[in-house]
Amino acid sequence: MSTDHLIRDGEIHAFVQLTHKEEIVVLHLILGRMLSNKEIANSMNISTDTVKFHFKNIMRKTQLTKRYDIYSYFSFLENQGYFPTTL
């Protein structure tokens, strides 16, 4: 599924509520330009299984199934000022 259900015609149609840890995982993904689970885990000092758990929750909440779509959605929000840009 693409981000069409969240963003249409350059406008945001849906926001999702993430936990603080999920936000940090997303920030590592977008600010690190698609870091791997292992790189995110090392940076956050958590296991790769925990990173996978957070991504699973993010995918469930956004109804997105691909990391690139998560990256695209949250990069768009970050560029529009709707998503924090610091860890």
C-alpha atoms as a PDB file:
ATOM      1  CA  MET A   1       0.000   0.000   0.000  1.00  0.00           C
ATOM      2  CA  SER A   2       1.335   3.450  -0.859  1.00  0.00           C
ATOM      3  CA  THR A   3       0.962   6.611   1.202  1.00  0.00           C
ATOM      4  CA  ASP A   4      -2.112   7.687  -0.845  1.00  0.00           C
ATOM      5  CA  HIS A   5      -4.466   7.061   2.082  1.00  0.00           C
ATOM      6  CA  LEU A   6      -2.327   9.388   4.230  1.00  0.00           C
ATOM      7  CA  ILE A   7      -1.256  12.035   1.706  1.00  0.00           C
ATOM      8  CA  ARG A   8      -3.216  13.031  -1.401  1.00  0.00           C
ATOM      9  CA  ASP A   9      -2.418  15.833  -3.800  1.00  0.00           C
ATOM     10  CA  GLY A  10       0.351  17.055  -1.505  1.00  0.00           C
ATOM     11  CA  GLU A  11      -2.029  17.421   1.457  1.00  0.00           C
ATOM     12  CA  ILE A  12      -2.083  15.424   4.672  1.00  0.00           C
ATOM     13  CA  HIS A  13      -5.302  13.439   5.111  1.00  0.00           C
ATOM     14  CA  ALA A  14      -4.385  11.429   8.178  1.00  0.00           C
ATOM     15  CA  PHE A  15      -2.069  11.648  11.140  1.00  0.00           C
ATOM     16  CA  VAL A  16      -0.945   8.711  13.227  1.00  0.00           C
ATOM     17  CA  GLN A  17      -0.134   8.721  16.931  1.00  0.00           C
ATOM     18  CA  LEU A  18       3.256   7.158  17.666  1.00  0.00           C
ATOM     19  CA  THR A  19       4.905   6.405  20.971  1.00  0.00           C
ATOM     20  CA  HIS A  20       8.096   8.273  21.796  1.00  0.00           C
ATOM     21  CA  LYS A  21      10.235   5.217  20.974  1.00  0.00           C
ATOM     22  CA  GLU A  22       8.445   4.752  17.646  1.00  0.00           C
ATOM     23  CA  GLU A  23       9.127   8.412  16.841  1.00  0.00           C
ATOM     24  CA  ILE A  24      12.816   7.892  17.592  1.00  0.00           C
ATOM     25  CA  VAL A  25      12.924   4.839  15.282  1.00  0.00           C
ATOM     26  CA  VAL A  26      11.267   6.873  12.509  1.00  0.00           C
ATOM     27  CA  LEU A  27      13.683   9.766  13.071  1.00  0.00           C
ATOM     28  CA  HIS A  28      16.620   7.394  12.718  1.00  0.00           C
ATOM     29  CA  LEU A  29      15.068   6.123   9.504  1.00  0.00           C
ATOM     30  CA  ILE A  30      14.424   9.524   7.914  1.00  0.00           C
ATOM     31  CA  LEU A  31      17.385  11.498   9.246  1.00  0.00           C
ATOM     32  CA  GLY A  32      19.753   8.589   8.662  1.00  0.00           C
ATOM     33  CA  ARG A  33      18.475   8.152   5.109  1.00  0.00           C
ATOM     34  CA  MET A  34      17.081   4.633   5.439  1.00  0.00           C
ATOM     35  CA  LEU A  35      19.331   3.151   8.113  1.00  0.00           C
ATOM     36  CA  SER A  36      19.111  -0.613   8.557  1.00  0.00           C
ATOM     37  CA  ASN A  37      17.493  -2.188  11.626  1.00  0.00           C
ATOM     38  CA  LYS A  38      20.959  -3.060  12.913  1.00  0.00           C
ATOM     39  CA  GLU A  39      22.186   0.522  12.517  1.00  0.00           C
ATOM     40  CA  ILE A  40      19.086   1.883  14.254  1.00  0.00           C
ATOM     41  CA  ALA A  41      19.441  -0.687  17.048  1.00  0.00           C
ATOM     42  CA  ASN A  42      23.100   0.201  17.588  1.00  0.00           C
ATOM     43  CA  SER A  43      22.322   3.906  17.659  1.00  0.00           C
ATOM     44  CA  MET A  44      19.459   3.464  20.139  1.00  0.00           C
ATOM     45  CA  ASN A  45      21.292   0.816  22.200  1.00  0.00           C
ATOM     46  CA  ILE A  46      18.425  -1.671  21.766  1.00  0.00           C
ATOM     47  CA  SER A  47      18.133  -5.044  20.028  1.00  0.00           C
ATOM     48  CA  THR A  48      17.237  -5.461  16.368  1.00  0.00           C
ATOM     49  CA  ASP A  49      14.176  -7.416  17.553  1.00  0.00           C
ATOM     50  CA  THR A  50      13.012  -4.318  19.419  1.00  0.00           C
ATOM     51  CA  VAL A  51      13.500  -2.198  16.295  1.00  0.00           C
ATOM     52  CA  LYS A  52      11.466  -4.746  14.315  1.00  0.00           C
ATOM     53  CA  PHE A  53       8.760  -4.623  16.995  1.00  0.00           C
ATOM     54  CA  HIS A  54       8.568  -0.826  16.691  1.00  0.00           C
ATOM     55  CA  PHE A  55       8.444  -1.005  12.884  1.00  0.00           C
ATOM     56  CA  LYS A  56       5.660  -3.578  13.095  1.00  0.00           C
ATOM     57  CA  ASN A  57       3.648  -1.189  15.279  1.00  0.00           C
ATOM     58  CA  ILE A  58       4.405   1.762  12.974  1.00  0.00           C
ATOM     59  CA  MET A  59       3.268  -0.291   9.960  1.00  0.00           C
ATOM     60  CA  ARG A  60       0.066  -1.300  11.756  1.00  0.00           C
ATOM     61  CA  LYS A  61      -0.724   2.288  12.749  1.00  0.00           C
ATOM     62  CA  THR A  62       0.008   3.762   9.317  1.00  0.00           C
ATOM     63  CA  GLN A  63      -1.309   0.799   7.302  1.00  0.00           C
ATOM     64  CA  LEU A  64       1.956   0.924   5.332  1.00  0.00           C
ATOM     65  CA  THR A  65       3.826  -2.263   4.480  1.00  0.00           C
ATOM     66  CA  LYS A  66       7.125  -0.981   3.104  1.00  0.00           C
ATOM     67  CA  ARG A  67       9.936   0.845   4.861  1.00  0.00           C
ATOM     68  CA  TYR A  68      10.262   3.205   1.912  1.00  0.00           C
ATOM     69  CA  ASP A  69       6.611   4.240   2.298  1.00  0.00           C
ATOM     70  CA  ILE A  70       7.183   4.896   6.002  1.00  0.00           C
ATOM     71  CA  TYR A  71      10.270   6.906   5.057  1.00  0.00           C
ATOM     72  CA  SER A  72       8.306   8.872   2.424  1.00  0.00           C
ATOM     73  CA  TYR A  73       5.338   9.612   4.698  1.00  0.00           C
ATOM     74  CA  PHE A  74       7.347  10.794   7.686  1.00  0.00           C
ATOM     75  CA  SER A  75       9.851  12.669   5.506  1.00  0.00           C
ATOM     76  CA  PHE A  76       6.891  14.552   4.038  1.00  0.00           C
ATOM     77  CA  LEU A  77       5.555  15.323   7.531  1.00  0.00           C
ATOM     78  CA  GLU A  78       9.026  16.413   8.658  1.00  0.00           C
ATOM     79  CA  ASN A  79       9.411  18.705   5.634  1.00  0.00           C
ATOM     80  CA  GLN A  80       5.997  20.243   6.380  1.00  0.00           C
ATOM     81  CA  GLY A  81       6.959  20.848  10.029  1.00  0.00           C
ATOM     82  CA  TYR A  82       4.540  18.254  11.439  1.00  0.00           C
ATOM     83  CA  PHE A  83       7.145  15.826  12.703  1.00  0.00           C
ATOM     84  CA  PRO A  84      10.030  16.565  15.099  1.00  0.00           C
ATOM     85  CA  THR A  85      13.453  16.843  13.491  1.00  0.00           C
ATOM     86  CA  THR A  86      15.658  16.086  16.504  1.00  0.00           C
ATOM     87  CA  LEU A  87      16.211  13.003  18.580  1.00  0.00           C
END
